[in-house]
Amino acid sequence: MKWFKKKEKQERQNKTGVDLETFDWISITLVSFTTIIGIGLLALCLASSYATIKGINLTNQRTCLCNGQIR
């Protein structure tokens, strides 16, 4: 009887914990790949937006210094 209760308690503890053996390498690889691609695309979009904003700000300047005169 004690052995059965001990085994039952151990099974309950095993069910509540995360069993790393259930994760296969393919799913881990896919999750890490999509995470890296997502971060890369986010960085690319942010860099593109930053460059676009800076480009617009540089071309919309109304004053330029030409031959010492301000136009």
N, C-alpha and C. Protein backbone atom coordinates (compact mmCIF):
# COMPACT_ATOMS: atom_id res chain seq x y z
N MET A 1 0.82 -1.20 0.00
CA MET A 1 0.00 0.00 0.00
C MET A 1 0.87 1.26 0.00
N LYS A 2 1.92 1.26 0.81
CA LYS A 2 2.80 2.42 0.85
C LYS A 2 3.48 2.62 -0.51
N TRP A 3 3.87 1.50 -1.10
CA TRP A 3 4.55 1.58 -2.39
C TRP A 3 3.63 2.19 -3.44
N PHE A 4 2.35 1.80 -3.43
CA PHE A 4 1.39 2.32 -4.38
C PHE A 4 1.17 3.82 -4.20
N LYS A 5 1.04 4.26 -2.96
CA LYS A 5 0.84 5.69 -2.69
C LYS A 5 2.08 6.50 -3.09
N LYS A 6 3.24 5.93 -2.82
CA LYS A 6 4.47 6.62 -3.18
C LYS A 6 4.58 6.76 -4.70
N LYS A 7 4.23 5.69 -5.41
CA LYS A 7 4.28 5.73 -6.86
C LYS A 7 3.25 6.72 -7.41
N GLU A 8 2.06 6.74 -6.83
CA GLU A 8 1.01 7.67 -7.26
C GLU A 8 1.43 9.11 -7.03
N LYS A 9 2.05 9.38 -5.90
CA LYS A 9 2.53 10.73 -5.60
C LYS A 9 3.62 11.15 -6.60
N GLN A 10 4.50 10.22 -6.92
CA GLN A 10 5.56 10.51 -7.87
C GLN A 10 5.00 10.78 -9.26
N GLU A 11 3.97 10.05 -9.66
CA GLU A 11 3.34 10.28 -10.96
C GLU A 11 2.66 11.65 -11.02
N ARG A 12 2.03 12.06 -9.93
CA ARG A 12 1.40 13.39 -9.90
C ARG A 12 2.45 14.49 -10.02
N GLN A 13 3.59 14.30 -9.36
CA GLN A 13 4.66 15.30 -9.46
C GLN A 13 5.22 15.36 -10.88
N ASN A 14 5.31 14.22 -11.52
CA ASN A 14 5.82 14.19 -12.89
C ASN A 14 4.86 14.87 -13.86
N LYS A 15 3.57 14.76 -13.63
CA LYS A 15 2.59 15.36 -14.53
C LYS A 15 2.59 16.88 -14.43
N THR A 16 2.84 17.42 -13.25
CA THR A 16 2.81 18.87 -13.09
C THR A 16 4.06 19.54 -13.66
N GLY A 17 5.19 18.86 -13.66
CA GLY A 17 6.42 19.44 -14.19
C GLY A 17 6.45 19.39 -15.70
N VAL A 18 7.31 20.20 -16.27
CA VAL A 18 7.44 20.22 -17.72
C VAL A 18 8.40 19.10 -18.12
N ASP A 19 7.93 18.24 -18.97
CA ASP A 19 8.75 17.13 -19.43
C ASP A 19 9.46 17.55 -20.71
N LEU A 20 10.76 17.74 -20.63
CA LEU A 20 11.50 18.24 -21.78
C LEU A 20 11.63 17.20 -22.87
N GLU A 21 11.41 15.95 -22.54
CA GLU A 21 11.52 14.91 -23.56
C GLU A 21 10.36 14.95 -24.55
N THR A 22 9.26 15.61 -24.19
CA THR A 22 8.13 15.68 -25.11
C THR A 22 8.39 16.65 -26.26
N PHE A 23 9.30 17.60 -26.05
CA PHE A 23 9.63 18.54 -27.12
C PHE A 23 10.65 17.88 -28.04
N ASP A 24 10.35 17.80 -29.30
CA ASP A 24 11.32 17.25 -30.24
C ASP A 24 12.14 18.37 -30.84
N TRP A 25 13.24 17.99 -31.44
CA TRP A 25 14.18 18.98 -31.94
C TRP A 25 13.62 19.79 -33.09
N ILE A 26 12.71 19.22 -33.83
CA ILE A 26 12.14 19.95 -34.97
C ILE A 26 11.33 21.15 -34.49
N SER A 27 10.52 20.95 -33.46
CA SER A 27 9.71 22.07 -32.97
C SER A 27 10.58 23.15 -32.33
N ILE A 28 11.62 22.74 -31.62
CA ILE A 28 12.53 23.71 -31.01
C ILE A 28 13.23 24.52 -32.10
N THR A 29 13.64 23.84 -33.16
CA THR A 29 14.31 24.52 -34.27
C THR A 29 13.36 25.49 -34.97
N LEU A 30 12.12 25.07 -35.19
CA LEU A 30 11.16 25.95 -35.86
C LEU A 30 10.84 27.18 -35.02
N VAL A 31 10.69 26.99 -33.73
CA VAL A 31 10.38 28.13 -32.86
C VAL A 31 11.55 29.12 -32.84
N SER A 32 12.77 28.61 -32.71
CA SER A 32 13.92 29.52 -32.69
C SER A 32 14.11 30.20 -34.04
N PHE A 33 13.89 29.47 -35.12
CA PHE A 33 14.03 30.05 -36.46
C PHE A 33 13.02 31.17 -36.69
N THR A 34 11.76 30.92 -36.35
CA THR A 34 10.74 31.96 -36.55
C THR A 34 10.97 33.15 -35.63
N THR A 35 11.49 32.91 -34.43
CA THR A 35 11.79 34.02 -33.53
C THR A 35 12.91 34.89 -34.11
N ILE A 36 13.95 34.26 -34.60
CA ILE A 36 15.08 35.01 -35.17
C ILE A 36 14.64 35.77 -36.42
N ILE A 37 13.85 35.13 -37.27
CA ILE A 37 13.35 35.80 -38.48
C ILE A 37 12.45 36.97 -38.10
N GLY A 38 11.60 36.79 -37.09
CA GLY A 38 10.72 37.88 -36.65
C GLY A 38 11.49 39.07 -36.13
N ILE A 39 12.51 38.81 -35.33
CA ILE A 39 13.33 39.90 -34.81
C ILE A 39 14.08 40.60 -35.94
N GLY A 40 14.57 39.82 -36.91
CA GLY A 40 15.26 40.41 -38.05
C GLY A 40 14.35 41.28 -38.89
N LEU A 41 13.13 40.81 -39.13
CA LEU A 41 12.18 41.62 -39.91
C LEU A 41 11.78 42.88 -39.16
N LEU A 42 11.62 42.78 -37.86
CA LEU A 42 11.30 43.96 -37.06
C LEU A 42 12.43 44.99 -37.14
N ALA A 43 13.67 44.53 -37.02
CA ALA A 43 14.81 45.44 -37.12
C ALA A 43 14.89 46.06 -38.51
N LEU A 44 14.62 45.27 -39.54
CA LEU A 44 14.64 45.79 -40.91
C LEU A 44 13.58 46.86 -41.11
N CYS A 45 12.37 46.61 -40.60
CA CYS A 45 11.29 47.60 -40.73
C CYS A 45 11.62 48.88 -39.97
N LEU A 46 12.16 48.74 -38.77
CA LEU A 46 12.52 49.92 -37.99
C LEU A 46 13.62 50.71 -38.68
N ALA A 47 14.62 50.03 -39.22
CA ALA A 47 15.71 50.72 -39.91
C ALA A 47 15.19 51.41 -41.17
N SER A 48 14.30 50.76 -41.88
CA SER A 48 13.73 51.36 -43.09
C SER A 48 12.90 52.59 -42.75
N SER A 49 12.11 52.48 -41.70
CA SER A 49 11.30 53.63 -41.28
C SER A 49 12.19 54.79 -40.84
N TYR A 50 13.23 54.47 -40.09
CA TYR A 50 14.15 55.51 -39.63
C TYR A 50 14.83 56.21 -40.81
N ALA A 51 15.27 55.42 -41.79
CA ALA A 51 15.94 56.00 -42.95
C ALA A 51 14.97 56.84 -43.77
N THR A 52 13.73 56.38 -43.88
CA THR A 52 12.73 57.14 -44.63
C THR A 52 12.44 58.47 -43.95
N ILE A 53 12.27 58.44 -42.65
CA ILE A 53 11.99 59.67 -41.91
C ILE A 53 13.18 60.63 -42.01
N LYS A 54 14.39 60.11 -41.84
CA LYS A 54 15.56 60.97 -41.95
C LYS A 54 15.71 61.51 -43.37
N GLY A 55 15.41 60.73 -44.36
CA GLY A 55 15.49 61.19 -45.75
C GLY A 55 14.49 62.27 -46.03
N ILE A 56 13.28 62.14 -45.53
CA ILE A 56 12.25 63.16 -45.73
C ILE A 56 12.65 64.43 -45.01
N ASN A 57 13.17 64.31 -43.81
CA ASN A 57 13.58 65.50 -43.06
C ASN A 57 14.73 66.22 -43.75
N LEU A 58 15.64 65.48 -44.36
CA LEU A 58 16.77 66.12 -45.02
C LEU A 58 16.36 66.79 -46.32
N THR A 59 15.39 66.24 -47.04
CA THR A 59 15.00 66.83 -48.32
C THR A 59 14.00 67.96 -48.15
N ASN A 60 13.35 68.06 -47.01
CA ASN A 60 12.34 69.10 -46.81
C ASN A 60 12.90 70.35 -46.13
N GLN A 61 14.21 70.44 -46.03
CA GLN A 61 14.77 71.65 -45.43
C GLN A 61 14.60 72.81 -46.40
N ARG A 62 14.14 73.95 -45.89
CA ARG A 62 13.84 75.09 -46.75
C ARG A 62 15.03 76.03 -46.91
N THR A 63 16.01 75.93 -46.05
CA THR A 63 17.15 76.84 -46.15
C THR A 63 18.39 76.06 -46.58
N CYS A 64 19.17 76.64 -47.44
CA CYS A 64 20.45 76.04 -47.80
C CYS A 64 21.46 77.18 -47.93
N LEU A 65 22.68 76.87 -47.68
CA LEU A 65 23.74 77.87 -47.73
C LEU A 65 24.44 77.75 -49.08
N CYS A 66 24.18 78.70 -49.96
CA CYS A 66 24.79 78.68 -51.29
C CYS A 66 25.51 80.01 -51.49
N ASN A 67 26.79 79.98 -51.67
CA ASN A 67 27.61 81.17 -51.88
C ASN A 67 27.42 82.19 -50.76
N GLY A 68 27.26 81.73 -49.54
CA GLY A 68 27.12 82.63 -48.41
C GLY A 68 25.76 83.24 -48.26
N GLN A 69 24.80 82.91 -49.11
CA GLN A 69 23.45 83.47 -49.02
C GLN A 69 22.49 82.40 -48.50
N ILE A 70 21.54 82.83 -47.73
CA ILE A 70 20.52 81.92 -47.23
C ILE A 70 19.28 82.09 -48.09
N ARG A 71 18.83 81.04 -48.70
CA ARG A 71 17.62 81.10 -49.53
C ARG A 71 16.46 80.52 -48.77
